[in-house]
Amino acid sequence: MAVLAHRVRPQVKADYAFTVQRHGFTPAWREKMVGWFEGLQVAFKLERCTVAAATDYLDRFLSKKSCTPLNFQLASVGCLFLAAKVEEQRPLTTADL
């Protein structure tokens, strides 16, 4: 019988903006992106949990890897698409955006 290893979810480092990010990232970037997520929630009638999941995925990623502005935008969109695929009955498409 195979034993499944218990996977621990990586925790978000509260100070990642200052300890991990090295390419000019500021907390204002995150605030602006979360605001964009919330705007899309209203525009596309997304579940509140979709925005929460996308923000959680983004924070976990930013806790591990420093991002340039372009990589931050790409990671943010990727987090939103992933959250929508998990949480929504009808996920977002690139045509939606």
PDB file of N, CA and C in Angstrom:
ATOM      1  N   MET A   1       0.844  -1.175   0.000  1.00  0.00           N
ATOM      2  CA  MET A   1       0.000   0.000   0.000  1.00  0.00           C
ATOM      3  C   MET A   1       0.893   1.243   0.000  1.00  0.00           C
ATOM      4  N   ALA A   2       0.635   2.147  -0.902  1.00  0.00           N
ATOM      5  CA  ALA A   2       1.438   3.367  -0.998  1.00  0.00           C
ATOM      6  C   ALA A   2       1.003   4.355   0.078  1.00  0.00           C
ATOM      7  N   VAL A   3       1.955   5.022   0.622  1.00  0.00           N
ATOM      8  CA  VAL A   3       1.681   6.041   1.623  1.00  0.00           C
ATOM      9  C   VAL A   3       1.835   7.403   0.944  1.00  0.00           C
ATOM     10  N   LEU A   4       0.795   8.213   1.044  1.00  0.00           N
ATOM     11  CA  LEU A   4       0.853   9.541   0.467  1.00  0.00           C
ATOM     12  C   LEU A   4       1.556  10.496   1.428  1.00  0.00           C
ATOM     13  N   ALA A   5       2.493  11.216   0.904  1.00  0.00           N
ATOM     14  CA  ALA A   5       3.200  12.196   1.736  1.00  0.00           C
ATOM     15  C   ALA A   5       2.266  13.364   2.028  1.00  0.00           C
ATOM     16  N   HIS A   6       2.299  13.816   3.246  1.00  0.00           N
ATOM     17  CA  HIS A   6       1.481  14.963   3.644  1.00  0.00           C
ATOM     18  C   HIS A   6       2.151  16.221   3.102  1.00  0.00           C
ATOM     19  N   ARG A   7       1.420  16.973   2.289  1.00  0.00           N
ATOM     20  CA  ARG A   7       1.969  18.203   1.723  1.00  0.00           C
ATOM     21  C   ARG A   7       1.547  19.383   2.582  1.00  0.00           C
ATOM     22  N   VAL A   8       2.505  20.167   2.953  1.00  0.00           N
ATOM     23  CA  VAL A   8       2.256  21.361   3.743  1.00  0.00           C
ATOM     24  C   VAL A   8       2.197  22.547   2.794  1.00  0.00           C
ATOM     25  N   ARG A   9       1.132  23.339   2.895  1.00  0.00           N
ATOM     26  CA  ARG A   9       1.021  24.528   2.060  1.00  0.00           C
ATOM     27  C   ARG A   9       2.060  25.548   2.494  1.00  0.00           C
ATOM     28  N   PRO A  10       2.796  26.085   1.548  1.00  0.00           N
ATOM     29  CA  PRO A  10       3.779  27.105   1.921  1.00  0.00           C
ATOM     30  C   PRO A  10       3.078  28.322   2.516  1.00  0.00           C
ATOM     31  N   GLN A  11       3.664  28.854   3.533  1.00  0.00           N
ATOM     32  CA  GLN A  11       3.085  30.018   4.192  1.00  0.00           C
ATOM     33  C   GLN A  11       3.586  31.297   3.540  1.00  0.00           C
ATOM     34  N   VAL A  12       2.767  32.313   3.573  1.00  0.00           N
ATOM     35  CA  VAL A  12       3.131  33.609   3.031  1.00  0.00           C
ATOM     36  C   VAL A  12       4.030  34.317   4.032  1.00  0.00           C
ATOM     37  N   LYS A  13       5.154  34.799   3.550  1.00  0.00           N
ATOM     38  CA  LYS A  13       6.042  35.589   4.399  1.00  0.00           C
ATOM     39  C   LYS A  13       5.470  36.993   4.467  1.00  0.00           C
ATOM     40  N   ALA A  14       5.137  37.443   5.650  1.00  0.00           N
ATOM     41  CA  ALA A  14       4.477  38.745   5.810  1.00  0.00           C
ATOM     42  C   ALA A  14       5.325  39.899   5.290  1.00  0.00           C
ATOM     43  N   ASP A  15       6.637  39.749   5.303  1.00  0.00           N
ATOM     44  CA  ASP A  15       7.518  40.839   4.888  1.00  0.00           C
ATOM     45  C   ASP A  15       8.154  40.597   3.519  1.00  0.00           C
ATOM     46  N   TYR A  16       7.488  39.801   2.662  1.00  0.00           N
ATOM     47  CA  TYR A  16       8.098  39.444   1.375  1.00  0.00           C
ATOM     48  C   TYR A  16       8.421  40.649   0.503  1.00  0.00           C
ATOM     49  N   ALA A  17       7.678  41.735   0.642  1.00  0.00           N
ATOM     50  CA  ALA A  17       7.937  42.927  -0.176  1.00  0.00           C
ATOM     51  C   ALA A  17       9.322  43.504   0.111  1.00  0.00           C
ATOM     52  N   PHE A  18       9.840  43.224   1.291  1.00  0.00           N
ATOM     53  CA  PHE A  18      11.127  43.782   1.689  1.00  0.00           C
ATOM     54  C   PHE A  18      12.241  42.744   1.748  1.00  0.00           C
ATOM     55  N   THR A  19      11.893  41.472   1.897  1.00  0.00           N
ATOM     56  CA  THR A  19      12.920  40.438   2.034  1.00  0.00           C
ATOM     57  C   THR A  19      13.121  39.601   0.776  1.00  0.00           C
ATOM     58  N   VAL A  20      12.089  39.451  -0.032  1.00  0.00           N
ATOM     59  CA  VAL A  20      12.187  38.597  -1.222  1.00  0.00           C
ATOM     60  C   VAL A  20      12.284  39.435  -2.497  1.00  0.00           C
ATOM     61  N   GLN A  21      11.467  40.440  -2.596  1.00  0.00           N
ATOM     62  CA  GLN A  21      11.383  41.230  -3.827  1.00  0.00           C
ATOM     63  C   GLN A  21      12.602  42.136  -3.997  1.00  0.00           C
ATOM     64  N   ARG A  22      13.223  42.051  -5.185  1.00  0.00           N
ATOM     65  CA  ARG A  22      14.433  42.820  -5.455  1.00  0.00           C
ATOM     66  C   ARG A  22      14.359  43.623  -6.750  1.00  0.00           C
ATOM     67  N   HIS A  23      13.252  43.598  -7.453  1.00  0.00           N
ATOM     68  CA  HIS A  23      13.155  44.256  -8.750  1.00  0.00           C
ATOM     69  C   HIS A  23      12.230  45.483  -8.719  1.00  0.00           C
ATOM     70  N   GLY A  24      12.232  46.203  -7.613  1.00  0.00           N
ATOM     71  CA  GLY A  24      11.446  47.430  -7.524  1.00  0.00           C
ATOM     72  C   GLY A  24      10.019  47.245  -7.033  1.00  0.00           C
ATOM     73  N   PHE A  25       9.651  46.029  -6.667  1.00  0.00           N
ATOM     74  CA  PHE A  25       8.291  45.753  -6.177  1.00  0.00           C
ATOM     75  C   PHE A  25       7.994  46.622  -4.966  1.00  0.00           C
ATOM     76  N   THR A  26       6.774  47.153  -4.924  1.00  0.00           N
ATOM     77  CA  THR A  26       6.310  47.877  -3.744  1.00  0.00           C
ATOM     78  C   THR A  26       4.935  47.317  -3.365  1.00  0.00           C
ATOM     79  N   PRO A  27       4.538  47.464  -2.117  1.00  0.00           N
ATOM     80  CA  PRO A  27       3.204  47.011  -1.723  1.00  0.00           C
ATOM     81  C   PRO A  27       2.087  47.663  -2.546  1.00  0.00           C
ATOM     82  N   ALA A  28       2.340  48.830  -3.123  1.00  0.00           N
ATOM     83  CA  ALA A  28       1.329  49.487  -3.957  1.00  0.00           C
ATOM     84  C   ALA A  28       1.008  48.658  -5.199  1.00  0.00           C
ATOM     85  N   TRP A  29       1.989  47.914  -5.712  1.00  0.00           N
ATOM     86  CA  TRP A  29       1.728  47.030  -6.859  1.00  0.00           C
ATOM     87  C   TRP A  29       0.635  46.037  -6.494  1.00  0.00           C
ATOM     88  N   ARG A  30       0.791  45.428  -5.327  1.00  0.00           N
ATOM     89  CA  ARG A  30      -0.178  44.413  -4.887  1.00  0.00           C
ATOM     90  C   ARG A  30      -1.550  45.041  -4.687  1.00  0.00           C
ATOM     91  N   GLU A  31      -1.587  46.198  -4.050  1.00  0.00           N
ATOM     92  CA  GLU A  31      -2.867  46.878  -3.811  1.00  0.00           C
ATOM     93  C   GLU A  31      -3.582  47.172  -5.127  1.00  0.00           C
ATOM     94  N   LYS A  32      -2.830  47.641  -6.103  1.00  0.00           N
ATOM     95  CA  LYS A  32      -3.419  47.956  -7.400  1.00  0.00           C
ATOM     96  C   LYS A  32      -3.955  46.684  -8.075  1.00  0.00           C
ATOM     97  N   MET A  33      -3.205  45.589  -7.975  1.00  0.00           N
ATOM     98  CA  MET A  33      -3.630  44.340  -8.609  1.00  0.00           C
ATOM     99  C   MET A  33      -4.869  43.775  -7.908  1.00  0.00           C
ATOM    100  N   VAL A  34      -4.912  43.832  -6.593  1.00  0.00           N
ATOM    101  CA  VAL A  34      -6.094  43.352  -5.871  1.00  0.00           C
ATOM    102  C   VAL A  34      -7.306  44.202  -6.239  1.00  0.00           C
ATOM    103  N   GLY A  35      -7.109  45.495  -6.408  1.00  0.00           N
ATOM    104  CA  GLY A  35      -8.197  46.357  -6.879  1.00  0.00           C
ATOM    105  C   GLY A  35      -8.681  45.952  -8.260  1.00  0.00           C
ATOM    106  N   TRP A  36      -7.746  45.574  -9.127  1.00  0.00           N
ATOM    107  CA  TRP A  36      -8.113  45.096 -10.471  1.00  0.00           C
ATOM    108  C   TRP A  36      -8.895  43.793 -10.373  1.00  0.00           C
ATOM    109  N   PHE A  37      -8.419  42.872  -9.505  1.00  0.00           N
ATOM    110  CA  PHE A  37      -9.156  41.616  -9.278  1.00  0.00           C
ATOM    111  C   PHE A  37     -10.591  41.927  -8.855  1.00  0.00           C
ATOM    112  N   GLU A  38     -10.751  42.870  -7.923  1.00  0.00           N
ATOM    113  CA  GLU A  38     -12.087  43.207  -7.424  1.00  0.00           C
ATOM    114  C   GLU A  38     -12.947  43.838  -8.516  1.00  0.00           C
ATOM    115  N   GLY A  39     -12.344  44.634  -9.378  1.00  0.00           N
ATOM    116  CA  GLY A  39     -13.085  45.206 -10.501  1.00  0.00           C
ATOM    117  C   GLY A  39     -13.574  44.120 -11.457  1.00  0.00           C
ATOM    118  N   LEU A  40     -12.727  43.129 -11.694  1.00  0.00           N
ATOM    119  CA  LEU A  40     -13.136  42.005 -12.543  1.00  0.00           C
ATOM    120  C   LEU A  40     -14.223  41.170 -11.879  1.00  0.00           C
ATOM    121  N   GLN A  41     -14.160  41.079 -10.555  1.00  0.00           N
ATOM    122  CA  GLN A  41     -15.197  40.344  -9.829  1.00  0.00           C
ATOM    123  C   GLN A  41     -16.561  40.953 -10.108  1.00  0.00           C
ATOM    124  N   VAL A  42     -16.641  42.267 -10.069  1.00  0.00           N
ATOM    125  CA  VAL A  42     -17.899  42.957 -10.328  1.00  0.00           C
ATOM    126  C   VAL A  42     -18.288  42.825 -11.802  1.00  0.00           C
ATOM    127  N   ALA A  43     -17.339  43.083 -12.687  1.00  0.00           N
ATOM    128  CA  ALA A  43     -17.629  43.089 -14.122  1.00  0.00           C
ATOM    129  C   ALA A  43     -18.079  41.721 -14.641  1.00  0.00           C
ATOM    130  N   PHE A  44     -17.467  40.653 -14.117  1.00  0.00           N
ATOM    131  CA  PHE A  44     -17.769  39.306 -14.613  1.00  0.00           C
ATOM    132  C   PHE A  44     -18.599  38.480 -13.631  1.00  0.00           C
ATOM    133  N   LYS A  45     -19.060  39.132 -12.559  1.00  0.00           N
ATOM    134  CA  LYS A  45     -19.875  38.454 -11.538  1.00  0.00           C
ATOM    135  C   LYS A  45     -19.173  37.196 -11.004  1.00  0.00           C
ATOM    136  N   LEU A  46     -17.895  37.376 -10.653  1.00  0.00           N
ATOM    137  CA  LEU A  46     -17.108  36.278 -10.107  1.00  0.00           C
ATOM    138  C   LEU A  46     -17.449  36.083  -8.632  1.00  0.00           C
ATOM    139  N   GLU A  47     -17.205  34.902  -8.147  1.00  0.00           N
ATOM    140  CA  GLU A  47     -17.394  34.610  -6.727  1.00  0.00           C
ATOM    141  C   GLU A  47     -16.337  35.361  -5.912  1.00  0.00           C
ATOM    142  N   ARG A  48     -16.711  35.764  -4.725  1.00  0.00           N
ATOM    143  CA  ARG A  48     -15.767  36.448  -3.836  1.00  0.00           C
ATOM    144  C   ARG A  48     -14.568  35.552  -3.529  1.00  0.00           C
ATOM    145  N   CYS A  49     -14.809  34.255  -3.424  1.00  0.00           N
ATOM    146  CA  CYS A  49     -13.717  33.325  -3.120  1.00  0.00           C
ATOM    147  C   CYS A  49     -12.701  33.249  -4.258  1.00  0.00           C
ATOM    148  N   THR A  50     -13.104  33.596  -5.470  1.00  0.00           N
ATOM    149  CA  THR A  50     -12.174  33.591  -6.602  1.00  0.00           C
ATOM    150  C   THR A  50     -11.113  34.675  -6.410  1.00  0.00           C
ATOM    151  N   VAL A  51     -11.550  35.862  -6.016  1.00  0.00           N
ATOM    152  CA  VAL A  51     -10.607  36.954  -5.769  1.00  0.00           C
ATOM    153  C   VAL A  51      -9.722  36.615  -4.568  1.00  0.00           C
ATOM    154  N   ALA A  52     -10.298  36.043  -3.554  1.00  0.00           N
ATOM    155  CA  ALA A  52      -9.510  35.667  -2.371  1.00  0.00           C
ATOM    156  C   ALA A  52      -8.462  34.624  -2.742  1.00  0.00           C
ATOM    157  N   ALA A  53      -8.849  33.636  -3.538  1.00  0.00           N
ATOM    158  CA  ALA A  53      -7.905  32.591  -3.945  1.00  0.00           C
ATOM    159  C   ALA A  53      -6.806  33.175  -4.829  1.00  0.00           C
ATOM    160  N   ALA A  54      -7.168  34.036  -5.778  1.00  0.00           N
ATOM    161  CA  ALA A  54      -6.173  34.645  -6.660  1.00  0.00           C
ATOM    162  C   ALA A  54      -5.162  35.463  -5.849  1.00  0.00           C
ATOM    163  N   THR A  55      -5.645  36.199  -4.877  1.00  0.00           N
ATOM    164  CA  THR A  55      -4.764  36.999  -4.027  1.00  0.00           C
ATOM    165  C   THR A  55      -3.856  36.103  -3.196  1.00  0.00           C
ATOM    166  N   ASP A  56      -4.402  35.017  -2.675  1.00  0.00           N
ATOM    167  CA  ASP A  56      -3.617  34.057  -1.899  1.00  0.00           C
ATOM    168  C   ASP A  56      -2.524  33.435  -2.764  1.00  0.00           C
ATOM    169  N   TYR A  57      -2.884  33.008  -3.983  1.00  0.00           N
ATOM    170  CA  TYR A  57      -1.890  32.425  -4.898  1.00  0.00           C
ATOM    171  C   TYR A  57      -0.792  33.439  -5.206  1.00  0.00           C
ATOM    172  N   LEU A  58      -1.179  34.680  -5.443  1.00  0.00           N
ATOM    173  CA  LEU A  58      -0.207  35.719  -5.767  1.00  0.00           C
ATOM    174  C   LEU A  58       0.737  35.967  -4.590  1.00  0.00           C
ATOM    175  N   ASP A  59       0.189  36.071  -3.394  1.00  0.00           N
ATOM    176  CA  ASP A  59       1.027  36.291  -2.213  1.00  0.00           C
ATOM    177  C   ASP A  59       2.004  35.140  -2.007  1.00  0.00           C
ATOM    178  N   ARG A  60       1.537  33.920  -2.211  1.00  0.00           N
ATOM    179  CA  ARG A  60       2.427  32.764  -2.047  1.00  0.00           C
ATOM    180  C   ARG A  60       3.556  32.779  -3.077  1.00  0.00           C
ATOM    181  N   PHE A  61       3.226  33.149  -4.308  1.00  0.00           N
ATOM    182  CA  PHE A  61       4.248  33.241  -5.340  1.00  0.00           C
ATOM    183  C   PHE A  61       5.257  34.331  -5.010  1.00  0.00           C
ATOM    184  N   LEU A  62       4.756  35.511  -4.626  1.00  0.00           N
ATOM    185  CA  LEU A  62       5.640  36.629  -4.324  1.00  0.00           C
ATOM    186  C   LEU A  62       6.500  36.383  -3.091  1.00  0.00           C
ATOM    187  N   SER A  63       6.076  35.470  -2.229  1.00  0.00           N
ATOM    188  CA  SER A  63       6.864  35.101  -1.055  1.00  0.00           C
ATOM    189  C   SER A  63       8.074  34.246  -1.427  1.00  0.00           C
ATOM    190  N   LYS A  64       8.054  33.716  -2.644  1.00  0.00           N
ATOM    191  CA  LYS A  64       9.119  32.802  -3.080  1.00  0.00           C
ATOM    192  C   LYS A  64      10.020  33.371  -4.163  1.00  0.00           C
ATOM    193  N   LYS A  65       9.496  34.264  -5.001  1.00  0.00           N
ATOM    194  CA  LYS A  65      10.240  34.700  -6.183  1.00  0.00           C
ATOM    195  C   LYS A  65      10.105  36.200  -6.392  1.00  0.00           C
ATOM    196  N   SER A  66      11.241  36.835  -6.667  1.00  0.00           N
ATOM    197  CA  SER A  66      11.239  38.260  -6.980  1.00  0.00           C
ATOM    198  C   SER A  66      10.752  38.455  -8.414  1.00  0.00           C
ATOM    199  N   CYS A  67      10.006  39.524  -8.644  1.00  0.00           N
ATOM    200  CA  CYS A  67       9.387  39.758  -9.950  1.00  0.00           C
ATOM    201  C   CYS A  67       9.735  41.124 -10.507  1.00  0.00           C
ATOM    202  N   THR A  68       9.967  41.145 -11.820  1.00  0.00           N
ATOM    203  CA  THR A  68      10.027  42.407 -12.538  1.00  0.00           C
ATOM    204  C   THR A  68       8.585  42.869 -12.713  1.00  0.00           C
ATOM    205  N   PRO A  69       8.361  44.104 -13.121  1.00  0.00           N
ATOM    206  CA  PRO A  69       6.972  44.551 -13.339  1.00  0.00           C
ATOM    207  C   PRO A  69       6.205  43.662 -14.326  1.00  0.00           C
ATOM    208  N   LEU A  70       6.846  43.267 -15.430  1.00  0.00           N
ATOM    209  CA  LEU A  70       6.172  42.420 -16.408  1.00  0.00           C
ATOM    210  C   LEU A  70       5.854  41.042 -15.823  1.00  0.00           C
ATOM    211  N   ASN A  71       6.815  40.445 -15.122  1.00  0.00           N
ATOM    212  CA  ASN A  71       6.575  39.137 -14.512  1.00  0.00           C
ATOM    213  C   ASN A  71       5.492  39.207 -13.442  1.00  0.00           C
ATOM    214  N   PHE A  72       5.430  40.325 -12.737  1.00  0.00           N
ATOM    215  CA  PHE A  72       4.384  40.500 -11.734  1.00  0.00           C
ATOM    216  C   PHE A  72       3.010  40.499 -12.402  1.00  0.00           C
ATOM    217  N   GLN A  73       2.879  41.216 -13.513  1.00  0.00           N
ATOM    218  CA  GLN A  73       1.600  41.251 -14.220  1.00  0.00           C
ATOM    219  C   GLN A  73       1.223  39.868 -14.742  1.00  0.00           C
ATOM    220  N   LEU A  74       2.185  39.174 -15.317  1.00  0.00           N
ATOM    221  CA  LEU A  74       1.912  37.832 -15.838  1.00  0.00           C
ATOM    222  C   LEU A  74       1.528  36.867 -14.714  1.00  0.00           C
ATOM    223  N   ALA A  75       2.242  36.937 -13.603  1.00  0.00           N
ATOM    224  CA  ALA A  75       1.921  36.073 -12.466  1.00  0.00           C
ATOM    225  C   ALA A  75       0.524  36.388 -11.932  1.00  0.00           C
ATOM    226  N   SER A  76       0.182  37.667 -11.889  1.00  0.00           N
ATOM    227  CA  SER A  76      -1.130  38.076 -11.384  1.00  0.00           C
ATOM    228  C   SER A  76      -2.257  37.523 -12.249  1.00  0.00           C
ATOM    229  N   VAL A  77      -2.116  37.646 -13.558  1.00  0.00           N
ATOM    230  CA  VAL A  77      -3.135  37.122 -14.473  1.00  0.00           C
ATOM    231  C   VAL A  77      -3.207  35.607 -14.358  1.00  0.00           C
ATOM    232  N   GLY A  78      -2.043  34.961 -14.253  1.00  0.00           N
ATOM    233  CA  GLY A  78      -2.021  33.506 -14.083  1.00  0.00           C
ATOM    234  C   GLY A  78      -2.735  33.075 -12.811  1.00  0.00           C
ATOM    235  N   CYS A  79      -2.517  33.805 -11.723  1.00  0.00           N
ATOM    236  CA  CYS A  79      -3.188  33.494 -10.454  1.00  0.00           C
ATOM    237  C   CYS A  79      -4.696  33.660 -10.578  1.00  0.00           C
ATOM    238  N   LEU A  80      -5.125  34.704 -11.283  1.00  0.00           N
ATOM    239  CA  LEU A  80      -6.557  34.927 -11.471  1.00  0.00           C
ATOM    240  C   LEU A  80      -7.178  33.814 -12.312  1.00  0.00           C
ATOM    241  N   PHE A  81      -6.525  33.435 -13.411  1.00  0.00           N
ATOM    242  CA  PHE A  81      -7.044  32.352 -14.249  1.00  0.00           C
ATOM    243  C   PHE A  81      -7.123  31.043 -13.471  1.00  0.00           C
ATOM    244  N   LEU A  82      -6.079  30.736 -12.699  1.00  0.00           N
ATOM    245  CA  LEU A  82      -6.083  29.507 -11.916  1.00  0.00           C
ATOM    246  C   LEU A  82      -7.219  29.517 -10.898  1.00  0.00           C
ATOM    247  N   ALA A  83      -7.381  30.622 -10.186  1.00  0.00           N
ATOM    248  CA  ALA A  83      -8.449  30.722  -9.191  1.00  0.00           C
ATOM    249  C   ALA A  83      -9.815  30.574  -9.855  1.00  0.00           C
ATOM    250  N   ALA A  84      -9.994  31.182 -11.029  1.00  0.00           N
ATOM    251  CA  ALA A  84     -11.276  31.081 -11.732  1.00  0.00           C
ATOM    252  C   ALA A  84     -11.544  29.642 -12.171  1.00  0.00           C
ATOM    253  N   LYS A  85     -10.506  28.946 -12.598  1.00  0.00           N
ATOM    254  CA  LYS A  85     -10.698  27.551 -13.017  1.00  0.00           C
ATOM    255  C   LYS A  85     -11.112  26.672 -11.838  1.00  0.00           C
ATOM    256  N   VAL A  86     -10.594  26.994 -10.667  1.00  0.00           N
ATOM    257  CA  VAL A  86     -10.905  26.198  -9.480  1.00  0.00           C
ATOM    258  C   VAL A  86     -12.263  26.573  -8.896  1.00  0.00           C
ATOM    259  N   GLU A  87     -12.573  27.862  -8.859  1.00  0.00           N
ATOM    260  CA  GLU A  87     -13.734  28.342  -8.120  1.00  0.00           C
ATOM    261  C   GLU A  87     -14.993  28.601  -8.950  1.00  0.00           C
ATOM    262  N   GLU A  88     -14.836  28.903 -10.223  1.00  0.00           N
ATOM    263  CA  GLU A  88     -15.980  29.328 -11.034  1.00  0.00           C
ATOM    264  C   GLU A  88     -16.571  28.173 -11.845  1.00  0.00           C
ATOM    265  N   GLN A  89     -17.877  28.237 -12.069  1.00  0.00           N
ATOM    266  CA  GLN A  89     -18.527  27.258 -12.939  1.00  0.00           C
ATOM    267  C   GLN A  89     -18.161  27.525 -14.391  1.00  0.00           C
ATOM    268  N   ARG A  90     -18.011  28.806 -14.730  1.00  0.00           N
ATOM    269  CA  ARG A  90     -17.588  29.200 -16.068  1.00  0.00           C
ATOM    270  C   ARG A  90     -16.320  30.035 -15.909  1.00  0.00           C
ATOM    271  N   PRO A  91     -15.155  29.404 -16.092  1.00  0.00           N
ATOM    272  CA  PRO A  91     -13.905  30.133 -15.901  1.00  0.00           C
ATOM    273  C   PRO A  91     -13.706  31.263 -16.912  1.00  0.00           C
ATOM    274  N   LEU A  92     -12.890  32.209 -16.564  1.00  0.00           N
ATOM    275  CA  LEU A  92     -12.536  33.292 -17.460  1.00  0.00           C
ATOM    276  C   LEU A  92     -11.708  32.764 -18.624  1.00  0.00           C
ATOM    277  N   THR A  93     -11.761  33.467 -19.739  1.00  0.00           N
ATOM    278  CA  THR A  93     -10.898  33.152 -20.869  1.00  0.00           C
ATOM    279  C   THR A  93     -10.088  34.393 -21.210  1.00  0.00           C
ATOM    280  N   THR A  94      -9.069  34.231 -22.023  1.00  0.00           N
ATOM    281  CA  THR A  94      -8.279  35.397 -22.410  1.00  0.00           C
ATOM    282  C   THR A  94      -9.143  36.369 -23.221  1.00  0.00           C
ATOM    283  N   ALA A  95     -10.121  35.870 -23.938  1.00  0.00           N
ATOM    284  CA  ALA A  95     -11.032  36.755 -24.685  1.00  0.00           C
ATOM    285  C   ALA A  95     -11.843  37.637 -23.746  1.00  0.00           C
ATOM    286  N   ASP A  96     -12.146  37.148 -22.551  1.00  0.00           N
ATOM    287  CA  ASP A  96     -12.892  37.942 -21.575  1.00  0.00           C
ATOM    288  C   ASP A  96     -12.129  39.204 -21.182  1.00  0.00           C
ATOM    289  N   LEU A  97     -10.836  39.067 -21.075  1.00  0.00           N
ATOM    290  CA  LEU A  97     -10.021  40.204 -20.625  1.00  0.00           C
ATOM    291  C   LEU A  97      -9.677  41.113 -21.770  1.00  0.00           C
TER     292      LEU A  97
END
